[in-house]
Amino acid sequence: MQASIIGFLRKHPAQTRGEIADALEIPKLTVNNGLEKLLEVGLIVADPPRDVAVRGQRIRYSVDDAQVTEMVMRLNQVLGEF
């Protein structure tokens, strides 16, 4: 599910949790859990950052392309494809 979120956000940056859930046709709670995990590992960024956002403010999520690229490169090295 996190891979689906990353793929969607790469094509459609700056989306809200609801927009992601609607586009991927998965529950908002499921999307929220996936976003939390992706934020924790730094693969996506929130605007505004969650610790700064005011209650009720829409948070938009985008992929941190540099972090995702680095992760893919490391994975390819481990798998012996680079």
C-alpha atoms as a PDB file:
ATOM      1  CA  MET A   1       0.000   0.000   0.000  1.00  0.00           C
ATOM      2  CA  GLN A   2       2.866   2.406   0.724  1.00  0.00           C
ATOM      3  CA  ALA A   3       4.236   1.708  -2.752  1.00  0.00           C
ATOM      4  CA  SER A   4       0.852   2.670  -4.222  1.00  0.00           C
ATOM      5  CA  ILE A   5       0.881   5.914  -2.251  1.00  0.00           C
ATOM      6  CA  ILE A   6       4.419   6.739  -3.418  1.00  0.00           C
ATOM      7  CA  GLY A   7       3.518   5.938  -7.028  1.00  0.00           C
ATOM      8  CA  PHE A   8       0.414   8.109  -6.871  1.00  0.00           C
ATOM      9  CA  LEU A   9       2.211  11.030  -5.216  1.00  0.00           C
ATOM     10  CA  ARG A  10       5.036  10.903  -7.758  1.00  0.00           C
ATOM     11  CA  LYS A  11       2.485  11.483 -10.506  1.00  0.00           C
ATOM     12  CA  HIS A  12       0.234  13.790  -8.460  1.00  0.00           C
ATOM     13  CA  PRO A  13       2.223  15.756  -5.861  1.00  0.00           C
ATOM     14  CA  ALA A  14       0.702  17.892  -3.109  1.00  0.00           C
ATOM     15  CA  GLN A  15      -2.357  15.741  -2.399  1.00  0.00           C
ATOM     16  CA  THR A  16      -4.391  15.536   0.796  1.00  0.00           C
ATOM     17  CA  ARG A  17      -5.118  12.311   2.640  1.00  0.00           C
ATOM     18  CA  GLY A  18      -8.677  12.352   1.304  1.00  0.00           C
ATOM     19  CA  GLU A  19      -7.551  12.925  -2.271  1.00  0.00           C
ATOM     20  CA  ILE A  20      -5.124  10.011  -2.017  1.00  0.00           C
ATOM     21  CA  ALA A  21      -7.789   7.738  -0.503  1.00  0.00           C
ATOM     22  CA  ASP A  22     -10.310   8.645  -3.209  1.00  0.00           C
ATOM     23  CA  ALA A  23      -7.835   8.163  -6.055  1.00  0.00           C
ATOM     24  CA  LEU A  24      -6.566   4.813  -4.765  1.00  0.00           C
ATOM     25  CA  GLU A  25     -10.013   3.724  -3.582  1.00  0.00           C
ATOM     26  CA  ILE A  26      -8.823   2.758  -0.116  1.00  0.00           C
ATOM     27  CA  PRO A  27     -10.083   3.903   3.310  1.00  0.00           C
ATOM     28  CA  LYS A  28      -8.728   7.174   4.713  1.00  0.00           C
ATOM     29  CA  LEU A  29      -7.571   5.399   7.875  1.00  0.00           C
ATOM     30  CA  THR A  30      -5.520   2.974   5.787  1.00  0.00           C
ATOM     31  CA  VAL A  31      -4.013   5.889   3.857  1.00  0.00           C
ATOM     32  CA  ASN A  32      -3.286   7.696   7.128  1.00  0.00           C
ATOM     33  CA  ASN A  33      -1.405   4.673   8.494  1.00  0.00           C
ATOM     34  CA  GLY A  34       0.608   4.407   5.277  1.00  0.00           C
ATOM     35  CA  LEU A  35       1.400   8.128   5.309  1.00  0.00           C
ATOM     36  CA  GLU A  36       2.602   7.895   8.916  1.00  0.00           C
ATOM     37  CA  LYS A  37       5.030   5.106   8.031  1.00  0.00           C
ATOM     38  CA  LEU A  38       6.294   6.938   4.940  1.00  0.00           C
ATOM     39  CA  LEU A  39       6.783  10.163   6.922  1.00  0.00           C
ATOM     40  CA  GLU A  40       8.700   8.281   9.628  1.00  0.00           C
ATOM     41  CA  VAL A  41      11.231   6.975   7.118  1.00  0.00           C
ATOM     42  CA  GLY A  42      11.435  10.267   5.215  1.00  0.00           C
ATOM     43  CA  LEU A  43      10.086   9.090   1.860  1.00  0.00           C
ATOM     44  CA  ILE A  44       7.362  11.732   1.780  1.00  0.00           C
ATOM     45  CA  VAL A  45       7.019  15.263   3.130  1.00  0.00           C
ATOM     46  CA  ALA A  46       4.004  17.041   4.569  1.00  0.00           C
ATOM     47  CA  ASP A  47       3.132  20.674   3.854  1.00  0.00           C
ATOM     48  CA  PRO A  48       2.719  22.153   6.340  1.00  0.00           C
ATOM     49  CA  PRO A  49       4.645  19.760   8.568  1.00  0.00           C
ATOM     50  CA  ARG A  50       2.258  17.922  10.887  1.00  0.00           C
ATOM     51  CA  ASP A  51       3.843  19.350  14.032  1.00  0.00           C
ATOM     52  CA  VAL A  52       3.160  22.890  12.729  1.00  0.00           C
ATOM     53  CA  ALA A  53      -0.269  22.355  11.167  1.00  0.00           C
ATOM     54  CA  VAL A  54      -3.270  23.845  12.944  1.00  0.00           C
ATOM     55  CA  ARG A  55      -6.227  21.592  13.748  1.00  0.00           C
ATOM     56  CA  GLY A  56      -8.468  21.349  10.699  1.00  0.00           C
ATOM     57  CA  GLN A  57      -5.768  22.577   8.310  1.00  0.00           C
ATOM     58  CA  ARG A  58      -5.359  20.465   5.195  1.00  0.00           C
ATOM     59  CA  ILE A  59      -1.980  18.820   4.956  1.00  0.00           C
ATOM     60  CA  ARG A  60      -0.649  18.082   1.485  1.00  0.00           C
ATOM     61  CA  TYR A  61       1.776  15.243   0.896  1.00  0.00           C
ATOM     62  CA  SER A  62       4.489  14.897  -1.724  1.00  0.00           C
ATOM     63  CA  VAL A  63       7.265  12.418  -2.404  1.00  0.00           C
ATOM     64  CA  ASP A  64      10.793  13.303  -1.344  1.00  0.00           C
ATOM     65  CA  ASP A  65      12.293  12.328  -4.705  1.00  0.00           C
ATOM     66  CA  ALA A  66      15.879  12.344  -3.450  1.00  0.00           C
ATOM     67  CA  GLN A  67      15.055   9.941  -0.611  1.00  0.00           C
ATOM     68  CA  VAL A  68      13.037   7.605  -2.838  1.00  0.00           C
ATOM     69  CA  THR A  69      15.787   7.570  -5.477  1.00  0.00           C
ATOM     70  CA  GLU A  70      18.392   6.780  -2.811  1.00  0.00           C
ATOM     71  CA  MET A  71      16.232   3.946  -1.453  1.00  0.00           C
ATOM     72  CA  VAL A  72      15.798   2.456  -4.936  1.00  0.00           C
ATOM     73  CA  MET A  73      19.559   2.693  -5.588  1.00  0.00           C
ATOM     74  CA  ARG A  74      20.343   0.936  -2.296  1.00  0.00           C
ATOM     75  CA  LEU A  75      17.788  -1.762  -3.019  1.00  0.00           C
ATOM     76  CA  ASN A  76      19.241  -2.333  -6.476  1.00  0.00           C
ATOM     77  CA  GLN A  77      22.751  -2.588  -4.985  1.00  0.00           C
ATOM     78  CA  VAL A  78      21.591  -5.143  -2.435  1.00  0.00           C
ATOM     79  CA  LEU A  79      19.832  -7.145  -5.122  1.00  0.00           C
ATOM     80  CA  GLY A  80      22.925  -6.916  -7.330  1.00  0.00           C
ATOM     81  CA  GLU A  81      21.287  -5.041 -10.158  1.00  0.00           C
ATOM     82  CA  PHE A  82      23.666  -2.069 -10.124  1.00  0.00           C
END
